[in-house]
Amino acid sequence: MSMDEIGRTFDWLNWPWVATVLGLLATIVAVVAFVRTKKPMDRIAHNVNLMGDAYSRRRRIDWRDVQDAAKSVTKSTLNRMGRIDVIIAPGARGAIFGQQISELLHNDPPIVVGVSHRLKVPYHDVFEQPLKADNRDWEVEIPRIVEAFREGTALIVDDYARGGSFMRELRIKLCSQEVGFSEKSVTCAVVVSTDQAVNEGRVDFSGSRYNDTDLHFPWGKAL
């Protein structure tokens, strides 16, 4: 190819319409690439929004709520019974709340912690000849040391009461002839309860009332 032919070729590439066509092609390629990328990104954004909505629907109970509930429950219980001689928790969750209450009392009552488990799950006794109560779904085992306080007052505590039957059965057990607490000397309290649990008298005091089932405490989801 001669130098004149090479020169004419480059002159052709410099024509305005060539630049316009190349610009259009670049635009089309960019649009196609954007559309292909946008669809999965839209799906990701949609899923993130769904997760955000679900997260926002959760009712989160923080430590301030637990502390406020402890203050409220302590005041109400003392107004009713005058003193608290022993705090009974069916498990570790209730024991956390019980500790918050104990720190507000001057007599430093002991916290007796039991073990709770679902009845459908095979389980071996942890304590020797424990006191047992159940509501057909859950069973609690309480060490018999609580019998030493039968002449005093007892506060049963837990983090959450949906129907309240679990705490009711435990109260019935404590007030039975086997254990010996008087009915007026046992009170039940939780951080959060439903309206049903309080209205039916299964729980005496609660820091808050929510009918939500998706409750999350600092130590985990409500059971």
Protein backbone atom coordinates (compact mmCIF):
# COMPACT_ATOMS: atom_id res chain seq x y z
CA MET A 1 0.00 0.00 0.00
CA SER A 2 1.37 3.39 -0.99
CA MET A 3 1.64 6.31 1.37
CA ASP A 4 -1.20 8.05 -0.48
CA GLU A 5 -3.52 5.08 0.10
CA ILE A 6 -2.60 4.95 3.81
CA GLY A 7 -3.29 8.64 4.09
CA ARG A 8 -6.72 8.27 2.44
CA THR A 9 -7.57 5.45 4.90
CA PHE A 10 -6.86 7.66 7.94
CA ASP A 11 -8.77 10.49 6.29
CA TRP A 12 -11.79 8.14 6.07
CA LEU A 13 -11.57 7.34 9.79
CA ASN A 14 -11.60 11.03 10.61
CA TRP A 15 -14.94 11.57 8.88
CA PRO A 16 -17.62 12.92 11.33
CA TRP A 17 -20.15 10.16 10.60
CA VAL A 18 -17.63 7.48 11.60
CA ALA A 19 -17.21 9.09 15.01
CA THR A 20 -20.98 9.31 15.39
CA VAL A 21 -21.48 5.63 14.58
CA LEU A 22 -18.75 4.56 16.96
CA GLY A 23 -20.30 6.72 19.68
CA LEU A 24 -23.71 5.12 19.15
CA LEU A 25 -22.23 1.64 19.30
CA ALA A 26 -20.47 2.46 22.56
CA THR A 27 -23.73 3.81 24.00
CA ILE A 28 -25.66 0.66 23.00
CA VAL A 29 -23.02 -1.58 24.59
CA ALA A 30 -23.13 0.47 27.79
CA VAL A 31 -26.95 0.32 27.97
CA VAL A 32 -27.02 -3.45 27.43
CA ALA A 33 -24.40 -3.95 30.12
CA PHE A 34 -26.36 -1.74 32.54
CA VAL A 35 -29.62 -3.60 31.95
CA ARG A 36 -27.97 -6.96 32.50
CA THR A 37 -26.38 -5.73 35.72
CA LYS A 38 -29.43 -3.86 36.99
CA LYS A 39 -31.76 -6.88 37.17
CA PRO A 40 -29.66 -8.89 39.66
CA MET A 41 -28.90 -5.69 41.56
CA ASP A 42 -32.62 -4.95 41.76
CA ARG A 43 -33.20 -8.44 43.09
CA ILE A 44 -30.47 -7.95 45.69
CA ALA A 45 -31.92 -4.58 46.71
CA HIS A 46 -35.39 -6.15 46.96
CA ASN A 47 -34.10 -8.93 49.19
CA VAL A 48 -32.23 -6.46 51.36
CA ASN A 49 -35.41 -4.41 51.76
CA LEU A 50 -37.34 -7.52 52.77
CA MET A 51 -34.69 -8.35 55.35
CA GLY A 52 -34.79 -4.80 56.62
CA ASP A 53 -38.57 -4.88 56.95
CA ALA A 54 -38.42 -8.17 58.85
CA TYR A 55 -35.71 -6.82 61.14
CA SER A 56 -37.69 -3.66 61.84
CA ARG A 57 -40.76 -5.74 62.76
CA ARG A 58 -38.79 -7.44 65.53
CA ARG A 59 -39.39 -5.95 68.93
CA ARG A 60 -36.03 -5.71 70.59
CA ILE A 61 -35.82 -5.62 74.38
CA ASP A 62 -32.55 -4.00 75.44
CA TRP A 63 -30.80 -3.87 78.81
CA ARG A 64 -32.48 -0.60 79.73
CA ASP A 65 -35.87 -2.30 79.27
CA VAL A 66 -34.76 -5.17 81.51
CA GLN A 67 -33.53 -2.79 84.20
CA ASP A 68 -36.71 -0.71 84.04
CA ALA A 69 -38.78 -3.90 84.32
CA ALA A 70 -36.75 -4.97 87.38
CA LYS A 71 -37.45 -1.64 89.09
CA SER A 72 -41.16 -1.79 88.28
CA VAL A 73 -41.56 -5.42 89.35
CA THR A 74 -39.58 -4.91 92.58
CA LYS A 75 -41.71 -1.95 93.59
CA SER A 76 -44.99 -3.73 92.80
CA THR A 77 -43.95 -6.94 94.57
CA LEU A 78 -42.80 -5.14 97.71
CA ASN A 79 -46.05 -3.18 97.78
CA ARG A 80 -47.96 -6.47 97.70
CA MET A 81 -45.85 -8.77 99.90
CA GLY A 82 -43.63 -6.43 101.91
CA ARG A 83 -40.46 -8.41 101.25
CA ILE A 84 -38.94 -11.04 98.97
CA ASP A 85 -37.23 -13.92 100.77
CA VAL A 86 -36.30 -16.04 97.74
CA ILE A 87 -36.26 -15.55 93.97
CA ILE A 88 -37.01 -18.63 91.88
CA ALA A 89 -36.11 -18.82 88.20
CA PRO A 90 -37.09 -21.78 86.00
CA GLY A 91 -33.89 -21.33 83.98
CA ALA A 92 -30.94 -19.13 83.12
CA ARG A 93 -33.07 -16.56 81.28
CA GLY A 94 -35.18 -15.88 84.33
CA ALA A 95 -32.09 -15.88 86.55
CA ILE A 96 -30.69 -12.91 84.63
CA PHE A 97 -33.84 -10.95 85.40
CA GLY A 98 -33.81 -12.23 88.98
CA GLN A 99 -30.29 -10.91 89.45
CA GLN A 100 -31.40 -7.47 88.33
CA ILE A 101 -34.17 -7.55 90.95
CA SER A 102 -31.92 -8.93 93.69
CA GLU A 103 -29.52 -6.01 93.29
CA LEU A 104 -32.38 -3.62 94.12
CA LEU A 105 -33.20 -5.34 97.42
CA HIS A 106 -31.50 -4.75 100.76
CA ASN A 107 -31.95 -8.27 102.12
CA ASP A 108 -30.02 -9.87 99.21
CA PRO A 109 -32.40 -12.84 98.67
CA PRO A 110 -30.94 -16.02 97.16
CA ILE A 111 -31.79 -16.91 93.57
CA VAL A 112 -32.73 -20.56 93.12
CA VAL A 113 -32.28 -21.54 89.48
CA GLY A 114 -33.96 -24.55 87.99
CA VAL A 115 -33.62 -26.33 84.68
CA SER A 116 -36.27 -26.13 81.94
CA HIS A 117 -36.58 -28.43 78.96
CA ARG A 118 -39.16 -29.46 76.39
CA LEU A 119 -41.10 -32.55 77.36
CA LYS A 120 -40.62 -34.12 73.93
CA VAL A 121 -36.84 -34.17 74.42
CA PRO A 122 -35.41 -37.08 76.46
CA TYR A 123 -33.95 -35.69 79.67
CA HIS A 124 -32.29 -36.92 82.85
CA ASP A 125 -32.78 -35.24 86.21
CA VAL A 126 -30.06 -32.78 87.14
CA PHE A 127 -31.02 -32.43 90.79
CA GLU A 128 -31.63 -35.15 93.33
CA GLN A 129 -35.39 -35.64 93.74
CA PRO A 130 -36.25 -32.23 92.23
CA LEU A 131 -39.61 -30.48 92.35
CA LYS A 132 -41.22 -30.78 88.92
CA ALA A 133 -43.92 -28.82 87.14
CA ASP A 134 -44.98 -28.78 83.50
CA ASN A 135 -47.50 -27.26 81.10
CA ARG A 136 -47.51 -30.15 78.59
CA ASP A 137 -44.86 -28.43 76.47
CA TRP A 138 -42.14 -27.53 78.96
CA GLU A 139 -41.05 -29.07 82.23
CA VAL A 140 -39.08 -27.33 84.97
CA GLU A 141 -37.01 -28.95 87.70
CA ILE A 142 -36.38 -26.90 90.83
CA PRO A 143 -33.95 -27.96 93.57
CA ARG A 144 -35.66 -28.75 96.86
CA ILE A 145 -33.70 -26.08 98.69
CA VAL A 146 -36.71 -23.80 98.03
CA GLU A 147 -38.61 -25.75 100.70
CA ALA A 148 -36.45 -24.02 103.29
CA PHE A 149 -38.26 -20.75 102.46
CA ARG A 150 -41.83 -22.07 102.68
CA GLU A 151 -42.60 -19.81 105.65
CA GLY A 152 -41.49 -16.74 103.70
CA THR A 153 -42.28 -15.10 100.37
CA ALA A 154 -41.19 -16.22 96.92
CA LEU A 155 -40.94 -14.37 93.61
CA ILE A 156 -40.99 -16.51 90.46
CA VAL A 157 -39.28 -14.71 87.58
CA ASP A 158 -38.78 -15.33 83.87
CA ASP A 159 -38.06 -13.25 80.80
CA TYR A 160 -41.28 -13.83 78.85
CA ALA A 161 -44.76 -15.21 79.36
CA ARG A 162 -46.90 -15.86 76.30
CA GLY A 163 -49.79 -17.77 77.85
CA GLY A 164 -48.46 -17.91 81.40
CA SER A 165 -49.40 -21.55 81.97
CA PHE A 166 -45.80 -22.52 82.70
CA MET A 167 -45.51 -20.04 85.58
CA ARG A 168 -49.00 -20.93 86.80
CA GLU A 169 -48.05 -24.62 87.11
CA LEU A 170 -44.86 -23.73 88.94
CA ARG A 171 -46.80 -21.55 91.39
CA ILE A 172 -49.31 -24.36 91.95
CA LYS A 173 -46.43 -26.72 92.70
CA LEU A 174 -44.87 -24.34 95.23
CA CYS A 175 -48.23 -23.86 96.94
CA SER A 176 -48.99 -27.57 97.09
CA GLN A 177 -48.95 -29.54 100.34
CA GLU A 178 -45.72 -31.15 99.15
CA VAL A 179 -43.80 -27.86 99.25
CA GLY A 180 -45.88 -25.70 101.57
CA PHE A 181 -45.85 -22.06 100.39
CA SER A 182 -49.08 -20.16 101.02
CA GLU A 183 -50.84 -18.85 97.92
CA LYS A 184 -50.54 -15.23 99.07
CA SER A 185 -46.78 -15.54 99.52
CA VAL A 186 -45.91 -16.43 95.89
CA THR A 187 -45.80 -13.85 93.10
CA CYS A 188 -44.97 -14.28 89.39
CA ALA A 189 -43.24 -11.60 87.34
CA VAL A 190 -41.63 -11.33 83.91
CA VAL A 191 -39.82 -8.76 81.80
CA VAL A 192 -42.45 -8.96 79.06
CA SER A 193 -45.85 -10.64 78.96
CA THR A 194 -48.86 -10.79 76.69
CA ASP A 195 -52.17 -9.28 77.74
CA GLN A 196 -53.56 -12.80 78.09
CA ALA A 197 -50.97 -13.88 80.67
CA VAL A 198 -51.75 -10.91 82.91
CA ASN A 199 -55.50 -10.72 82.34
CA GLU A 200 -55.93 -14.40 83.23
CA GLY A 201 -53.94 -13.94 86.44
CA ARG A 202 -51.10 -16.25 85.49
CA VAL A 203 -48.57 -13.44 85.76
CA ASP A 204 -48.88 -10.79 88.45
CA PHE A 205 -46.42 -8.19 87.18
CA SER A 206 -44.53 -7.47 83.97
CA GLY A 207 -42.28 -4.66 82.83
CA SER A 208 -44.06 -4.41 79.48
CA ARG A 209 -46.93 -6.02 77.62
CA TYR A 210 -46.54 -6.96 73.97
CA ASN A 211 -48.59 -9.42 71.99
CA ASP A 212 -45.79 -9.81 69.42
CA THR A 213 -44.26 -13.24 69.13
CA ASP A 214 -41.01 -12.04 67.56
CA LEU A 215 -39.36 -10.67 70.69
CA HIS A 216 -35.60 -10.47 71.08
CA PHE A 217 -33.88 -10.04 74.42
CA PRO A 218 -30.20 -9.26 74.93
CA TRP A 219 -29.67 -13.00 75.53
CA GLY A 220 -31.73 -14.26 72.58
CA LYS A 221 -35.14 -14.73 71.01
CA ALA A 222 -38.12 -15.23 73.30
CA LEU A 223 -39.09 -18.89 73.67
